[in-house]
């Protein structure tokens, strides 16, 4: 390719050239992408999902998503939320980032920030999500909180800490 931005003749003939490039685009996204069908079966998985969750695309595709990466205590709310979304087209946590926990292949629980949305196409629902591992951010936040509450030299609570704890 010569770097030209001019579209090819094929692009003009093909009414929707994006599907050929969709997986490449998703694989280059920094966040983990997971898509499921209405039954919770994984139908989409990118490279970042491989890194974050520890499963290869081949291992993930066709698997039941809640069994693979979701803590059991979230499953009821997840199922109720999916059914609500299918009925109303809206969800309590849909289309905004929320903090949750997920499970890696080895069983390790870890914090994620995730956004999801549903798409109905020809009467069939699919649900898509982007998530990022926020473990490092949570560690930094805990360190900053500790520094704010405790004197580094003495290890004793700062004067403001008792006042804060009474107002919380």
Protein backbone atom coordinates (compact mmCIF):
# COMPACT_ATOMS: atom_id res chain seq x y z
CA UNK A 1 0.00 0.00 0.00
CA UNK A 2 1.33 3.43 -0.90
CA UNK A 3 -0.19 5.29 2.05
CA UNK A 4 -2.94 6.81 -0.07
CA UNK A 5 -6.16 7.47 1.77
CA UNK A 6 -8.21 6.94 -1.39
CA UNK A 7 -10.75 4.13 -0.98
CA UNK A 8 -10.37 1.06 -3.12
CA UNK A 9 -12.92 0.14 -5.78
CA UNK A 10 -13.96 -2.79 -3.57
CA UNK A 11 -14.98 -0.38 -0.82
CA UNK A 12 -17.45 1.27 -3.20
CA UNK A 13 -18.93 -2.06 -4.29
CA UNK A 14 -19.19 -3.55 -0.80
CA UNK A 15 -22.12 -2.02 1.12
CA UNK A 16 -20.48 -2.76 4.51
CA UNK A 17 -16.69 -3.14 4.39
CA UNK A 18 -16.30 -2.84 8.21
CA UNK A 19 -16.85 -6.50 9.21
CA UNK A 20 -13.57 -7.44 7.52
CA UNK A 21 -11.76 -4.99 9.78
CA UNK A 22 -13.79 -5.24 12.99
CA UNK A 23 -11.64 -7.89 14.71
CA UNK A 24 -8.44 -6.08 13.75
CA UNK A 25 -9.83 -2.87 15.24
CA UNK A 26 -10.95 -4.64 18.42
CA UNK A 27 -7.61 -6.44 18.75
CA UNK A 28 -5.85 -3.09 18.77
CA UNK A 29 -8.09 -1.62 21.46
CA UNK A 30 -6.42 -1.18 24.83
CA UNK A 31 -9.41 -2.47 26.78
CA UNK A 32 -10.70 -6.03 26.99
CA UNK A 33 -13.64 -6.54 24.63
CA UNK A 34 -16.12 -9.33 25.34
CA UNK A 35 -19.38 -9.92 23.47
CA UNK A 36 -22.05 -12.45 24.39
CA UNK A 37 -25.27 -13.60 22.82
CA UNK A 38 -28.61 -13.50 24.64
CA UNK A 39 -27.80 -16.83 26.33
CA UNK A 40 -24.45 -15.63 27.74
CA UNK A 41 -22.31 -17.49 25.20
CA UNK A 42 -19.13 -15.60 24.27
CA UNK A 43 -19.17 -14.53 20.63
CA UNK A 44 -16.44 -11.85 20.72
CA UNK A 45 -13.04 -11.69 22.44
CA UNK A 46 -10.04 -9.49 21.68
CA UNK A 47 -6.32 -9.63 22.49
CA UNK A 48 -6.72 -7.37 25.51
CA UNK A 49 -9.32 -9.81 26.89
CA UNK A 50 -6.73 -12.56 26.48
CA UNK A 51 -4.25 -10.52 28.56
CA UNK A 52 -6.75 -9.41 31.20
CA UNK A 53 -8.62 -12.66 31.77
CA UNK A 54 -5.94 -15.19 30.75
CA UNK A 55 -8.01 -17.18 28.23
CA UNK A 56 -7.11 -17.37 24.56
CA UNK A 57 -9.77 -16.42 22.01
CA UNK A 58 -10.16 -20.12 21.13
CA UNK A 59 -10.76 -21.00 24.79
CA UNK A 60 -13.26 -18.17 25.30
CA UNK A 61 -15.38 -18.28 22.15
CA UNK A 62 -18.38 -20.52 22.70
CA UNK A 63 -17.93 -20.61 26.49
CA UNK A 64 -20.62 -19.48 28.93
CA UNK A 65 -19.32 -16.07 30.05
CA UNK A 66 -20.54 -16.18 33.69
CA UNK A 67 -18.71 -19.48 34.26
CA UNK A 68 -15.52 -18.11 32.75
CA UNK A 69 -14.96 -14.65 34.24
CA UNK A 70 -17.83 -13.62 36.55
CA UNK A 71 -17.86 -14.07 40.34
CA UNK A 72 -20.84 -16.18 41.38
CA UNK A 73 -22.36 -13.46 43.58
CA UNK A 74 -22.89 -11.26 40.48
CA UNK A 75 -24.74 -13.88 38.43
CA UNK A 76 -28.27 -13.29 39.69
CA UNK A 77 -28.06 -9.51 39.16
CA UNK A 78 -26.46 -10.12 35.77
CA UNK A 79 -29.27 -12.44 34.66
CA UNK A 80 -31.96 -10.05 35.91
CA UNK A 81 -30.21 -7.12 34.21
CA UNK A 82 -29.93 -8.92 30.87
CA UNK A 83 -33.63 -9.83 30.94
CA UNK A 84 -34.57 -6.23 31.85
CA UNK A 85 -32.38 -4.93 29.04
CA UNK A 86 -33.99 -7.29 26.52
CA UNK A 87 -37.46 -6.10 27.58
CA UNK A 88 -36.79 -2.37 27.87
CA UNK A 89 -33.61 -1.67 25.91
CA UNK A 90 -32.16 -0.12 29.06
CA UNK A 91 -30.14 -1.31 32.01
CA UNK A 92 -29.23 -0.05 35.45
CA UNK A 93 -25.47 -0.26 34.80
CA UNK A 94 -25.56 -0.18 31.01
CA UNK A 95 -23.72 2.35 28.89
CA UNK A 96 -21.56 3.74 31.69
CA UNK A 97 -18.42 2.55 33.44
CA UNK A 98 -18.91 0.66 36.69
CA UNK A 99 -16.38 -0.94 39.03
CA UNK A 100 -16.77 -4.69 39.55
CA UNK A 101 -14.62 -7.73 40.15
CA UNK A 102 -13.80 -10.39 37.60
CA UNK A 103 -12.00 -13.72 37.72
CA UNK A 104 -8.86 -14.65 35.78
CA UNK A 105 -8.19 -18.09 34.34
CA UNK A 106 -6.20 -19.09 37.42
CA UNK A 107 -9.09 -18.15 39.73
CA UNK A 108 -7.66 -14.80 40.91
CA UNK A 109 -10.27 -12.13 41.58
CA UNK A 110 -9.36 -8.63 40.50
CA UNK A 111 -11.05 -5.23 40.11
CA UNK A 112 -12.22 -4.04 36.71
CA UNK A 113 -13.89 -0.98 35.32
CA UNK A 114 -16.44 -2.03 32.71
CA UNK A 115 -19.04 -0.56 30.38
CA UNK A 116 -21.54 -2.64 28.45
CA UNK A 117 -24.37 -2.14 26.02
CA UNK A 118 -26.84 -4.27 24.13
CA UNK A 119 -27.71 -4.34 20.46
CA UNK A 120 -30.78 -5.99 19.00
CA UNK A 121 -30.38 -7.06 15.39
CA UNK A 122 -33.04 -9.04 13.53
CA UNK A 123 -34.76 -9.88 16.81
CA UNK A 124 -31.58 -11.27 18.42
CA UNK A 125 -29.80 -9.57 21.31
CA UNK A 126 -26.05 -9.29 21.69
CA UNK A 127 -24.27 -7.66 24.60
CA UNK A 128 -20.88 -6.00 24.25
CA UNK A 129 -18.47 -4.77 26.90
CA UNK A 130 -15.16 -3.06 27.31
CA UNK A 131 -13.30 -3.58 30.57
CA UNK A 132 -9.94 -2.66 32.03
CA UNK A 133 -8.01 -4.13 34.92
CA UNK A 134 -7.80 -1.42 37.59
CA UNK A 135 -5.67 -3.36 40.08
CA UNK A 136 -2.75 -0.91 39.88
CA UNK A 137 -5.06 2.09 40.22
CA UNK A 138 -6.66 0.57 43.33
CA UNK A 139 -3.21 -0.04 44.87
CA UNK A 140 -2.20 3.59 44.19
CA UNK A 141 -5.50 4.87 45.64
CA UNK A 142 -4.97 2.80 48.82
CA UNK A 143 -1.41 4.13 49.15
CA UNK A 144 -2.58 7.73 48.76
CA UNK A 145 -5.38 7.16 51.26
CA UNK A 146 -2.89 5.70 53.76
CA UNK A 147 -0.53 8.64 53.29
CA UNK A 148 -3.40 11.07 53.83
CA UNK A 149 -4.49 9.34 57.04
CA UNK A 150 -1.13 8.41 58.62
CA UNK A 151 2.05 10.34 59.31
CA UNK A 152 4.90 8.81 57.29
CA UNK A 153 7.55 9.44 59.96
CA UNK A 154 5.64 8.11 62.98
CA UNK A 155 3.01 5.83 61.47
CA UNK A 156 0.44 7.52 63.69
CA UNK A 157 -2.91 8.79 62.45
CA UNK A 158 -2.89 12.37 61.24
CA UNK A 159 -4.89 14.85 63.28
CA UNK A 160 -7.48 15.10 60.53
CA UNK A 161 -8.05 11.34 60.42
CA UNK A 162 -10.21 11.12 63.61
CA UNK A 163 -12.35 14.04 62.40
CA UNK A 164 -12.80 12.38 58.98
CA UNK A 165 -13.71 9.04 60.50
CA UNK A 166 -16.42 10.66 62.70
CA UNK A 167 -17.99 12.39 59.68
CA UNK A 168 -18.08 9.30 57.46
